[in-house]
């Protein structure tokens, strides 16, 4: 899920202007924040992928003949 600047500001409980100011005035801080958000998105995607793979495995294990 792609977060908007508004979403990110809400996530950090800050005004969206603060986030824009960080992007302009504190690029290193902004970069760290963006990398953290990207990492969280990757982790969530991997959790979903794992869940689907596990469901698929269970589905095919249930169909194995004895």
N, C-alpha and C. Protein backbone atom coordinates (compact mmCIF):
# COMPACT_ATOMS: atom_id res chain seq x y z
N UNK A 1 0.84 -1.18 0.00
CA UNK A 1 0.00 0.00 0.00
C UNK A 1 0.88 1.24 0.00
N UNK A 2 0.63 2.11 -0.92
CA UNK A 2 1.42 3.33 -1.03
C UNK A 2 0.78 4.41 -0.16
N UNK A 3 1.59 4.96 0.75
CA UNK A 3 1.10 6.01 1.65
C UNK A 3 1.27 7.38 1.01
N UNK A 4 0.29 8.24 1.21
CA UNK A 4 0.40 9.62 0.77
C UNK A 4 1.16 10.41 1.83
N UNK A 5 1.56 11.63 1.49
CA UNK A 5 2.22 12.49 2.48
C UNK A 5 1.29 12.72 3.67
N UNK A 6 0.01 12.87 3.40
CA UNK A 6 -0.99 13.06 4.46
C UNK A 6 -1.02 11.82 5.37
N UNK A 7 -1.01 10.63 4.78
CA UNK A 7 -1.01 9.39 5.56
C UNK A 7 0.23 9.30 6.45
N UNK A 8 1.38 9.62 5.85
CA UNK A 8 2.63 9.55 6.61
C UNK A 8 2.63 10.55 7.76
N UNK A 9 2.11 11.74 7.50
CA UNK A 9 2.04 12.75 8.56
C UNK A 9 1.16 12.26 9.70
N UNK A 10 0.03 11.66 9.37
CA UNK A 10 -0.85 11.11 10.41
C UNK A 10 -0.16 10.00 11.18
N UNK A 11 0.58 9.18 10.47
CA UNK A 11 1.31 8.07 11.10
C UNK A 11 2.27 8.58 12.18
N UNK A 12 2.92 9.71 11.90
CA UNK A 12 3.89 10.29 12.84
C UNK A 12 3.29 11.37 13.74
N UNK A 13 1.98 11.58 13.59
CA UNK A 13 1.27 12.59 14.38
C UNK A 13 1.91 13.97 14.22
N UNK A 14 2.16 14.33 12.97
CA UNK A 14 2.72 15.64 12.65
C UNK A 14 1.89 16.28 11.54
N UNK A 15 2.08 17.56 11.36
CA UNK A 15 1.42 18.28 10.28
C UNK A 15 2.10 17.92 8.96
N UNK A 16 1.35 17.76 7.88
CA UNK A 16 1.97 17.45 6.59
C UNK A 16 3.03 18.47 6.18
N UNK A 17 2.86 19.71 6.59
CA UNK A 17 3.87 20.73 6.27
C UNK A 17 5.20 20.41 6.92
N UNK A 18 5.16 19.83 8.11
CA UNK A 18 6.39 19.44 8.79
C UNK A 18 7.15 18.41 7.96
N UNK A 19 6.43 17.45 7.43
CA UNK A 19 7.06 16.43 6.59
C UNK A 19 7.66 17.06 5.33
N UNK A 20 6.94 17.97 4.72
CA UNK A 20 7.48 18.67 3.54
C UNK A 20 8.71 19.49 3.91
N UNK A 21 8.69 20.13 5.07
CA UNK A 21 9.85 20.91 5.53
C UNK A 21 11.05 20.00 5.77
N UNK A 22 10.81 18.83 6.35
CA UNK A 22 11.91 17.89 6.57
C UNK A 22 12.51 17.48 5.23
N UNK A 23 11.64 17.27 4.25
CA UNK A 23 12.13 16.86 2.93
C UNK A 23 13.06 17.93 2.35
N UNK A 24 12.70 19.18 2.57
CA UNK A 24 13.48 20.30 2.02
C UNK A 24 14.69 20.63 2.90
N UNK A 25 14.47 20.74 4.21
CA UNK A 25 15.50 21.25 5.12
C UNK A 25 16.34 20.17 5.79
N UNK A 26 15.79 18.97 5.90
CA UNK A 26 16.51 17.88 6.57
C UNK A 26 16.41 16.62 5.72
N UNK A 27 17.05 16.65 4.54
CA UNK A 27 16.91 15.52 3.62
C UNK A 27 17.37 14.19 4.19
N UNK A 28 18.36 14.19 5.07
CA UNK A 28 18.84 12.94 5.66
C UNK A 28 17.75 12.33 6.55
N UNK A 29 17.11 13.14 7.36
CA UNK A 29 16.02 12.67 8.22
C UNK A 29 14.87 12.16 7.37
N UNK A 30 14.51 12.90 6.34
CA UNK A 30 13.43 12.49 5.45
C UNK A 30 13.76 11.15 4.78
N UNK A 31 15.00 10.99 4.35
CA UNK A 31 15.43 9.74 3.71
C UNK A 31 15.29 8.56 4.68
N UNK A 32 15.69 8.76 5.92
CA UNK A 32 15.57 7.70 6.93
C UNK A 32 14.10 7.31 7.13
N UNK A 33 13.25 8.31 7.20
CA UNK A 33 11.82 8.05 7.37
C UNK A 33 11.27 7.27 6.18
N UNK A 34 11.62 7.68 4.97
CA UNK A 34 11.13 7.01 3.77
C UNK A 34 11.65 5.57 3.69
N UNK A 35 12.90 5.35 4.08
CA UNK A 35 13.44 3.99 4.08
C UNK A 35 12.72 3.12 5.11
N UNK A 36 12.42 3.70 6.27
CA UNK A 36 11.69 2.96 7.29
C UNK A 36 10.31 2.56 6.82
N UNK A 37 9.62 3.48 6.17
CA UNK A 37 8.28 3.19 5.65
C UNK A 37 8.37 2.13 4.56
N UNK A 38 9.34 2.25 3.68
CA UNK A 38 9.52 1.25 2.61
C UNK A 38 9.81 -0.12 3.21
N UNK A 39 10.63 -0.17 4.25
CA UNK A 39 10.95 -1.43 4.91
C UNK A 39 9.68 -2.06 5.48
N UNK A 40 8.87 -1.24 6.16
CA UNK A 40 7.61 -1.75 6.72
C UNK A 40 6.70 -2.31 5.63
N UNK A 41 6.65 -1.63 4.48
CA UNK A 41 5.82 -2.11 3.38
C UNK A 41 6.33 -3.44 2.84
N UNK A 42 7.64 -3.59 2.76
CA UNK A 42 8.23 -4.85 2.30
C UNK A 42 7.91 -5.97 3.28
N UNK A 43 8.04 -5.70 4.56
CA UNK A 43 7.74 -6.71 5.58
C UNK A 43 6.29 -7.14 5.49
N UNK A 44 5.37 -6.20 5.34
CA UNK A 44 3.95 -6.53 5.24
C UNK A 44 3.67 -7.36 3.99
N UNK A 45 4.30 -7.00 2.88
CA UNK A 45 4.12 -7.76 1.64
C UNK A 45 4.63 -9.18 1.81
N UNK A 46 5.77 -9.35 2.48
CA UNK A 46 6.32 -10.68 2.69
C UNK A 46 5.44 -11.51 3.62
N UNK A 47 4.86 -10.86 4.62
CA UNK A 47 3.93 -11.58 5.52
C UNK A 47 2.75 -12.11 4.72
N UNK A 48 2.21 -11.28 3.84
CA UNK A 48 1.07 -11.68 3.02
C UNK A 48 1.47 -12.81 2.07
N UNK A 49 2.65 -12.71 1.49
CA UNK A 49 3.14 -13.75 0.59
C UNK A 49 3.31 -15.07 1.34
N UNK A 50 3.86 -15.01 2.54
CA UNK A 50 4.05 -16.21 3.36
C UNK A 50 2.70 -16.83 3.70
N UNK A 51 1.75 -15.99 4.05
CA UNK A 51 0.41 -16.48 4.41
C UNK A 51 -0.22 -17.22 3.22
N UNK A 52 -0.11 -16.65 2.02
CA UNK A 52 -0.67 -17.29 0.83
C UNK A 52 0.05 -18.60 0.53
N UNK A 53 1.37 -18.63 0.67
CA UNK A 53 2.12 -19.85 0.41
C UNK A 53 1.74 -20.94 1.41
N UNK A 54 1.57 -20.56 2.65
CA UNK A 54 1.19 -21.53 3.69
C UNK A 54 -0.21 -22.10 3.41
N UNK A 55 -1.13 -21.25 3.00
CA UNK A 55 -2.48 -21.71 2.67
C UNK A 55 -2.45 -22.68 1.48
N UNK A 56 -1.63 -22.35 0.49
CA UNK A 56 -1.50 -23.22 -0.68
C UNK A 56 -0.91 -24.57 -0.29
N UNK A 57 0.11 -24.54 0.55
CA UNK A 57 0.73 -25.79 1.03
C UNK A 57 -0.30 -26.64 1.77
N UNK A 58 -1.06 -26.02 2.66
CA UNK A 58 -2.06 -26.76 3.42
C UNK A 58 -3.14 -27.33 2.51
N UNK A 59 -3.50 -26.59 1.49
CA UNK A 59 -4.52 -27.04 0.54
C UNK A 59 -4.05 -28.31 -0.18
N UNK A 60 -2.79 -28.32 -0.64
CA UNK A 60 -2.28 -29.48 -1.36
C UNK A 60 -1.95 -30.63 -0.43
N UNK A 61 -1.57 -30.37 0.79
CA UNK A 61 -1.32 -31.45 1.75
C UNK A 61 -2.62 -32.18 2.08
N UNK A 62 -3.69 -31.42 2.15
CA UNK A 62 -4.99 -32.02 2.47
C UNK A 62 -5.47 -32.94 1.34
N UNK A 63 -4.99 -32.72 0.12
CA UNK A 63 -5.43 -33.52 -1.02
C UNK A 63 -4.53 -34.74 -1.30
N UNK A 64 -3.47 -34.92 -0.52
CA UNK A 64 -2.56 -36.06 -0.75
C UNK A 64 -3.30 -37.36 -0.44
N UNK A 65 -3.15 -38.35 -1.33
CA UNK A 65 -3.77 -39.66 -1.03
C UNK A 65 -2.96 -40.38 0.04
N UNK A 66 -3.64 -41.14 0.87
CA UNK A 66 -2.97 -41.88 1.94
C UNK A 66 -2.51 -43.23 1.50
